[in-house]
Amino acid sequence: MEEPYELLERWNVSQWNDGKAFHTSEPVYPARKTVFAEGEREGLPYPRSSEFEKQFIRYLDTQAEVLAYTRVLPRMPLRIPYHDPQAYLRHYTPDLIVETAEGHFLLETKGEGWDKQEDTPAKVEAATEWAQKVSLVTGQNWTFVKILQRDFERFGRLRFSQLLLASREHR
């Protein structure tokens, strides 16, 4: 039986890790709107193998609506449990967290093929449910959105809120 959720501590994306940078050997992007404090960081680590995700974080820095964002880095304690098609317990980690005046967004940015993977529906359902529960517990709006590369290529000149809406409607 699932235990009821209880808010233990209120947390804001812009307060993550008290603004202290993580050491990384990965290439970094000198992000302006990252959650890490300006004087404390060299930048936000780029993803190793996704040119699309690199383009997307550069896009986030240009968006007036975006207050802060981060890639979900391995040290961050965000693991969303789900059951794969064989009923094994797995943990899903979205790519990004973005904060706007309208709320917080868990974002999954993926290229072609992600929607065709057999465990994708379970990941999407778990992340959507997680966002709904966190919204109820915190009183802040959290939303899960997947943005596929083809949608970003088509709608990437739109404002962030319009891109999110277009990506959801385009399904």
C-alpha atoms as a PDB file:
ATOM      1  CA  MET A   1       0.000   0.000   0.000  1.00  0.00           C
ATOM      2  CA  GLU A   2       1.325   3.436  -0.910  1.00  0.00           C
ATOM      3  CA  GLU A   3       2.116   5.786   1.962  1.00  0.00           C
ATOM      4  CA  PRO A   4       0.574   9.287   1.826  1.00  0.00           C
ATOM      5  CA  TYR A   5       2.870  12.046   0.649  1.00  0.00           C
ATOM      6  CA  GLU A   6       4.069  14.550   3.195  1.00  0.00           C
ATOM      7  CA  LEU A   7       5.900  17.795   2.518  1.00  0.00           C
ATOM      8  CA  LEU A   8       9.147  17.612   4.461  1.00  0.00           C
ATOM      9  CA  GLU A   9      10.854  20.698   3.097  1.00  0.00           C
ATOM     10  CA  ARG A  10       9.909  23.442   0.660  1.00  0.00           C
ATOM     11  CA  TRP A  11      12.434  23.683  -2.163  1.00  0.00           C
ATOM     12  CA  ASN A  12      12.811  25.974  -5.160  1.00  0.00           C
ATOM     13  CA  VAL A  13      14.716  25.187  -8.330  1.00  0.00           C
ATOM     14  CA  SER A  14      16.570  28.487  -8.039  1.00  0.00           C
ATOM     15  CA  GLN A  15      17.830  27.444  -4.581  1.00  0.00           C
ATOM     16  CA  TRP A  16      19.233  24.095  -5.717  1.00  0.00           C
ATOM     17  CA  ASN A  17      22.507  23.221  -4.011  1.00  0.00           C
ATOM     18  CA  ASP A  18      22.694  26.767  -2.580  1.00  0.00           C
ATOM     19  CA  GLY A  19      23.979  27.869  -5.972  1.00  0.00           C
ATOM     20  CA  LYS A  20      27.222  25.930  -5.615  1.00  0.00           C
ATOM     21  CA  ALA A  21      28.593  24.325  -8.727  1.00  0.00           C
ATOM     22  CA  PHE A  22      29.357  20.654  -9.048  1.00  0.00           C
ATOM     23  CA  HIS A  23      32.787  19.627 -10.209  1.00  0.00           C
ATOM     24  CA  THR A  24      32.640  18.108 -13.673  1.00  0.00           C
ATOM     25  CA  SER A  25      35.043  16.957 -16.324  1.00  0.00           C
ATOM     26  CA  GLU A  26      32.358  17.404 -18.993  1.00  0.00           C
ATOM     27  CA  PRO A  27      32.376  20.360 -21.375  1.00  0.00           C
ATOM     28  CA  VAL A  28      30.364  23.216 -19.885  1.00  0.00           C
ATOM     29  CA  TYR A  29      28.052  25.866 -21.264  1.00  0.00           C
ATOM     30  CA  PRO A  30      28.264  29.352 -19.678  1.00  0.00           C
ATOM     31  CA  ALA A  31      24.540  29.364 -18.909  1.00  0.00           C
ATOM     32  CA  ARG A  32      23.041  32.637 -17.714  1.00  0.00           C
ATOM     33  CA  LYS A  33      19.822  31.286 -16.211  1.00  0.00           C
ATOM     34  CA  THR A  34      21.116  28.156 -14.592  1.00  0.00           C
ATOM     35  CA  VAL A  35      20.306  27.625 -10.932  1.00  0.00           C
ATOM     36  CA  PHE A  36      23.989  27.803 -10.040  1.00  0.00           C
ATOM     37  CA  ALA A  37      25.273  31.152  -8.753  1.00  0.00           C
ATOM     38  CA  GLU A  38      27.238  33.270 -11.234  1.00  0.00           C
ATOM     39  CA  GLY A  39      30.417  33.536  -9.185  1.00  0.00           C
ATOM     40  CA  GLU A  40      30.380  29.881  -8.148  1.00  0.00           C
ATOM     41  CA  ARG A  41      30.319  28.115 -11.472  1.00  0.00           C
ATOM     42  CA  GLU A  42      32.134  27.630 -14.703  1.00  0.00           C
ATOM     43  CA  GLY A  43      28.865  26.762 -16.373  1.00  0.00           C
ATOM     44  CA  LEU A  44      26.251  24.078 -16.764  1.00  0.00           C
ATOM     45  CA  PRO A  45      27.598  20.719 -17.955  1.00  0.00           C
ATOM     46  CA  TYR A  46      26.605  19.997 -21.540  1.00  0.00           C
ATOM     47  CA  PRO A  47      25.091  16.631 -22.264  1.00  0.00           C
ATOM     48  CA  ARG A  48      27.710  14.272 -23.640  1.00  0.00           C
ATOM     49  CA  SER A  49      25.929  12.916 -26.668  1.00  0.00           C
ATOM     50  CA  SER A  50      22.868  15.025 -27.469  1.00  0.00           C
ATOM     51  CA  GLU A  51      23.298  17.967 -29.817  1.00  0.00           C
ATOM     52  CA  PHE A  52      19.554  18.568 -29.512  1.00  0.00           C
ATOM     53  CA  GLU A  53      19.793  18.938 -25.717  1.00  0.00           C
ATOM     54  CA  LYS A  54      22.723  21.335 -26.177  1.00  0.00           C
ATOM     55  CA  GLN A  55      20.618  23.455 -28.536  1.00  0.00           C
ATOM     56  CA  PHE A  56      17.717  23.313 -26.121  1.00  0.00           C
ATOM     57  CA  ILE A  57      19.647  24.641 -23.120  1.00  0.00           C
ATOM     58  CA  ARG A  58      20.977  27.483 -25.271  1.00  0.00           C
ATOM     59  CA  TYR A  59      17.341  28.174 -26.243  1.00  0.00           C
ATOM     60  CA  LEU A  60      16.308  28.305 -22.549  1.00  0.00           C
ATOM     61  CA  ASP A  61      18.845  31.078 -21.902  1.00  0.00           C
ATOM     62  CA  THR A  62      17.176  33.243 -24.572  1.00  0.00           C
ATOM     63  CA  GLN A  63      13.657  32.923 -23.186  1.00  0.00           C
ATOM     64  CA  ALA A  64      12.339  35.823 -21.097  1.00  0.00           C
ATOM     65  CA  GLU A  65       9.766  33.521 -19.456  1.00  0.00           C
ATOM     66  CA  VAL A  66      12.441  31.186 -18.096  1.00  0.00           C
ATOM     67  CA  LEU A  67      13.575  32.287 -14.642  1.00  0.00           C
ATOM     68  CA  ALA A  68      15.950  29.400 -13.923  1.00  0.00           C
ATOM     69  CA  TYR A  69      16.737  25.923 -15.159  1.00  0.00           C
ATOM     70  CA  THR A  70      19.071  23.021 -14.740  1.00  0.00           C
ATOM     71  CA  ARG A  71      19.881  19.738 -16.320  1.00  0.00           C
ATOM     72  CA  VAL A  72      19.078  16.977 -13.874  1.00  0.00           C
ATOM     73  CA  LEU A  73      22.605  15.957 -12.934  1.00  0.00           C
ATOM     74  CA  PRO A  74      23.529  12.553 -11.477  1.00  0.00           C
ATOM     75  CA  ARG A  75      23.981  13.965  -7.949  1.00  0.00           C
ATOM     76  CA  MET A  76      20.485  15.421  -7.829  1.00  0.00           C
ATOM     77  CA  PRO A  77      18.039  13.284  -5.865  1.00  0.00           C
ATOM     78  CA  LEU A  78      15.331  13.162  -8.533  1.00  0.00           C
ATOM     79  CA  ARG A  79      14.447   9.589  -9.432  1.00  0.00           C
ATOM     80  CA  ILE A  80      10.852   8.838 -10.375  1.00  0.00           C
ATOM     81  CA  PRO A  81       9.864   5.199  -9.782  1.00  0.00           C
ATOM     82  CA  TYR A  82       7.939   3.338 -12.470  1.00  0.00           C
ATOM     83  CA  HIS A  83       7.329  -0.265 -13.521  1.00  0.00           C
ATOM     84  CA  ASP A  84       8.604  -1.342 -16.916  1.00  0.00           C
ATOM     85  CA  PRO A  85       6.500  -3.594 -19.221  1.00  0.00           C
ATOM     86  CA  GLN A  86       7.913  -6.686 -17.451  1.00  0.00           C
ATOM     87  CA  ALA A  87       6.792  -5.207 -14.080  1.00  0.00           C
ATOM     88  CA  TYR A  88      10.337  -4.521 -12.843  1.00  0.00           C
ATOM     89  CA  LEU A  89      10.768  -1.431 -10.697  1.00  0.00           C
ATOM     90  CA  ARG A  90      12.888   1.161 -12.512  1.00  0.00           C
ATOM     91  CA  HIS A  91      13.679   4.822 -11.953  1.00  0.00           C
ATOM     92  CA  TYR A  92      13.244   7.566 -14.497  1.00  0.00           C
ATOM     93  CA  THR A  93      15.154  10.849 -14.482  1.00  0.00           C
ATOM     94  CA  PRO A  94      13.935  13.674 -16.737  1.00  0.00           C
ATOM     95  CA  ASP A  95      16.470  15.789 -18.616  1.00  0.00           C
ATOM     96  CA  LEU A  96      15.687  19.269 -17.306  1.00  0.00           C
ATOM     97  CA  ILE A  97      13.804  21.263 -14.688  1.00  0.00           C
ATOM     98  CA  VAL A  98      12.661  24.730 -15.743  1.00  0.00           C
ATOM     99  CA  GLU A  99      11.169  27.402 -13.502  1.00  0.00           C
ATOM    100  CA  THR A 100       8.874  30.131 -14.857  1.00  0.00           C
ATOM    101  CA  ALA A 101       6.374  32.476 -13.224  1.00  0.00           C
ATOM    102  CA  GLU A 102       3.686  29.972 -14.277  1.00  0.00           C
ATOM    103  CA  GLY A 103       5.312  27.052 -12.482  1.00  0.00           C
ATOM    104  CA  HIS A 104       7.914  24.341 -12.778  1.00  0.00           C
ATOM    105  CA  PHE A 105       8.381  22.002 -15.702  1.00  0.00           C
ATOM    106  CA  LEU A 106      10.003  18.599 -15.838  1.00  0.00           C
ATOM    107  CA  LEU A 107      11.184  18.337 -19.413  1.00  0.00           C
ATOM    108  CA  GLU A 108      12.209  15.358 -21.456  1.00  0.00           C
ATOM    109  CA  THR A 109      14.027  16.334 -24.640  1.00  0.00           C
ATOM    110  CA  LYS A 110      14.479  13.411 -26.995  1.00  0.00           C
ATOM    111  CA  GLY A 111      15.180  12.679 -30.617  1.00  0.00           C
ATOM    112  CA  GLU A 112      13.443  10.236 -32.896  1.00  0.00           C
ATOM    113  CA  GLY A 113      12.672   6.817 -31.489  1.00  0.00           C
ATOM    114  CA  TRP A 114      12.045   7.704 -27.844  1.00  0.00           C
ATOM    115  CA  ASP A 115       8.273   7.483 -28.276  1.00  0.00           C
ATOM    116  CA  LYS A 116       8.704   4.017 -29.786  1.00  0.00           C
ATOM    117  CA  GLN A 117      10.600   2.514 -26.823  1.00  0.00           C
ATOM    118  CA  GLU A 118       8.436   0.057 -24.929  1.00  0.00           C
ATOM    119  CA  ASP A 119       8.921   1.636 -21.492  1.00  0.00           C
ATOM    120  CA  THR A 120       8.274   5.240 -22.614  1.00  0.00           C
ATOM    121  CA  PRO A 121       4.533   5.200 -21.784  1.00  0.00           C
ATOM    122  CA  ALA A 122       5.305   4.032 -18.231  1.00  0.00           C
ATOM    123  CA  LYS A 123       7.948   6.766 -17.803  1.00  0.00           C
ATOM    124  CA  VAL A 124       5.568   9.451 -19.083  1.00  0.00           C
ATOM    125  CA  GLU A 125       2.750   8.242 -16.836  1.00  0.00           C
ATOM    126  CA  ALA A 126       5.025   8.139 -13.775  1.00  0.00           C
ATOM    127  CA  ALA A 127       6.484  11.607 -14.443  1.00  0.00           C
ATOM    128  CA  THR A 128       3.021  13.090 -15.064  1.00  0.00           C
ATOM    129  CA  GLU A 129       1.702  11.554 -11.842  1.00  0.00           C
ATOM    130  CA  TRP A 130       4.796  12.717  -9.925  1.00  0.00           C
ATOM    131  CA  ALA A 131       4.264  16.304 -11.129  1.00  0.00           C
ATOM    132  CA  GLN A 132       0.581  16.188 -10.133  1.00  0.00           C
ATOM    133  CA  LYS A 133       1.398  14.892  -6.644  1.00  0.00           C
ATOM    134  CA  VAL A 134       4.180  17.420  -6.097  1.00  0.00           C
ATOM    135  CA  SER A 135       1.792  20.184  -7.208  1.00  0.00           C
ATOM    136  CA  LEU A 136      -0.759  19.072  -4.614  1.00  0.00           C
ATOM    137  CA  VAL A 137       1.786  18.761  -1.824  1.00  0.00           C
ATOM    138  CA  THR A 138       3.612  22.047  -2.493  1.00  0.00           C
ATOM    139  CA  GLY A 139       0.805  24.232  -3.840  1.00  0.00           C
ATOM    140  CA  GLN A 140       3.091  25.079  -6.777  1.00  0.00           C
ATOM    141  CA  ASN A 141       2.330  24.105 -10.351  1.00  0.00           C
ATOM    142  CA  TRP A 142       4.528  21.269 -11.688  1.00  0.00           C
ATOM    143  CA  THR A 143       4.029  19.854 -15.189  1.00  0.00           C
ATOM    144  CA  PHE A 144       5.775  17.125 -17.136  1.00  0.00           C
ATOM    145  CA  VAL A 145       6.306  17.865 -20.845  1.00  0.00           C
ATOM    146  CA  LYS A 146       8.178  15.896 -23.461  1.00  0.00           C
ATOM    147  CA  ILE A 147       9.662  17.880 -26.292  1.00  0.00           C
ATOM    148  CA  LEU A 148      10.755  15.816 -29.231  1.00  0.00           C
ATOM    149  CA  GLN A 149      13.470  17.088 -31.519  1.00  0.00           C
ATOM    150  CA  ARG A 150      11.106  17.255 -34.502  1.00  0.00           C
ATOM    151  CA  ASP A 151       8.748  19.496 -32.468  1.00  0.00           C
ATOM    152  CA  PHE A 152      11.620  21.752 -31.388  1.00  0.00           C
ATOM    153  CA  GLU A 153      12.806  22.044 -34.990  1.00  0.00           C
ATOM    154  CA  ARG A 154       9.274  23.018 -36.001  1.00  0.00           C
ATOM    155  CA  PHE A 155       8.328  25.267 -33.046  1.00  0.00           C
ATOM    156  CA  GLY A 156      11.696  26.348 -31.593  1.00  0.00           C
ATOM    157  CA  ARG A 157      11.298  29.964 -32.683  1.00  0.00           C
ATOM    158  CA  LEU A 158       8.257  30.324 -30.434  1.00  0.00           C
ATOM    159  CA  ARG A 159       8.318  31.631 -26.870  1.00  0.00           C
ATOM    160  CA  PHE A 160       8.835  28.925 -24.235  1.00  0.00           C
ATOM    161  CA  SER A 161       5.157  28.759 -23.181  1.00  0.00           C
ATOM    162  CA  GLN A 162       4.081  28.540 -26.826  1.00  0.00           C
ATOM    163  CA  LEU A 163       6.641  25.788 -27.498  1.00  0.00           C
ATOM    164  CA  LEU A 164       5.262  23.765 -24.583  1.00  0.00           C
ATOM    165  CA  LEU A 165       1.712  24.188 -25.796  1.00  0.00           C
ATOM    166  CA  ALA A 166       2.609  23.341 -29.405  1.00  0.00           C
ATOM    167  CA  SER A 167       4.567  20.261 -28.299  1.00  0.00           C
ATOM    168  CA  ARG A 168       1.612  18.957 -26.265  1.00  0.00           C
ATOM    169  CA  GLU A 169      -0.950  19.687 -28.990  1.00  0.00           C
ATOM    170  CA  HIS A 170       1.195  18.176 -31.715  1.00  0.00           C
ATOM    171  CA  ARG A 171       0.877  14.654 -30.225  1.00  0.00           C
END
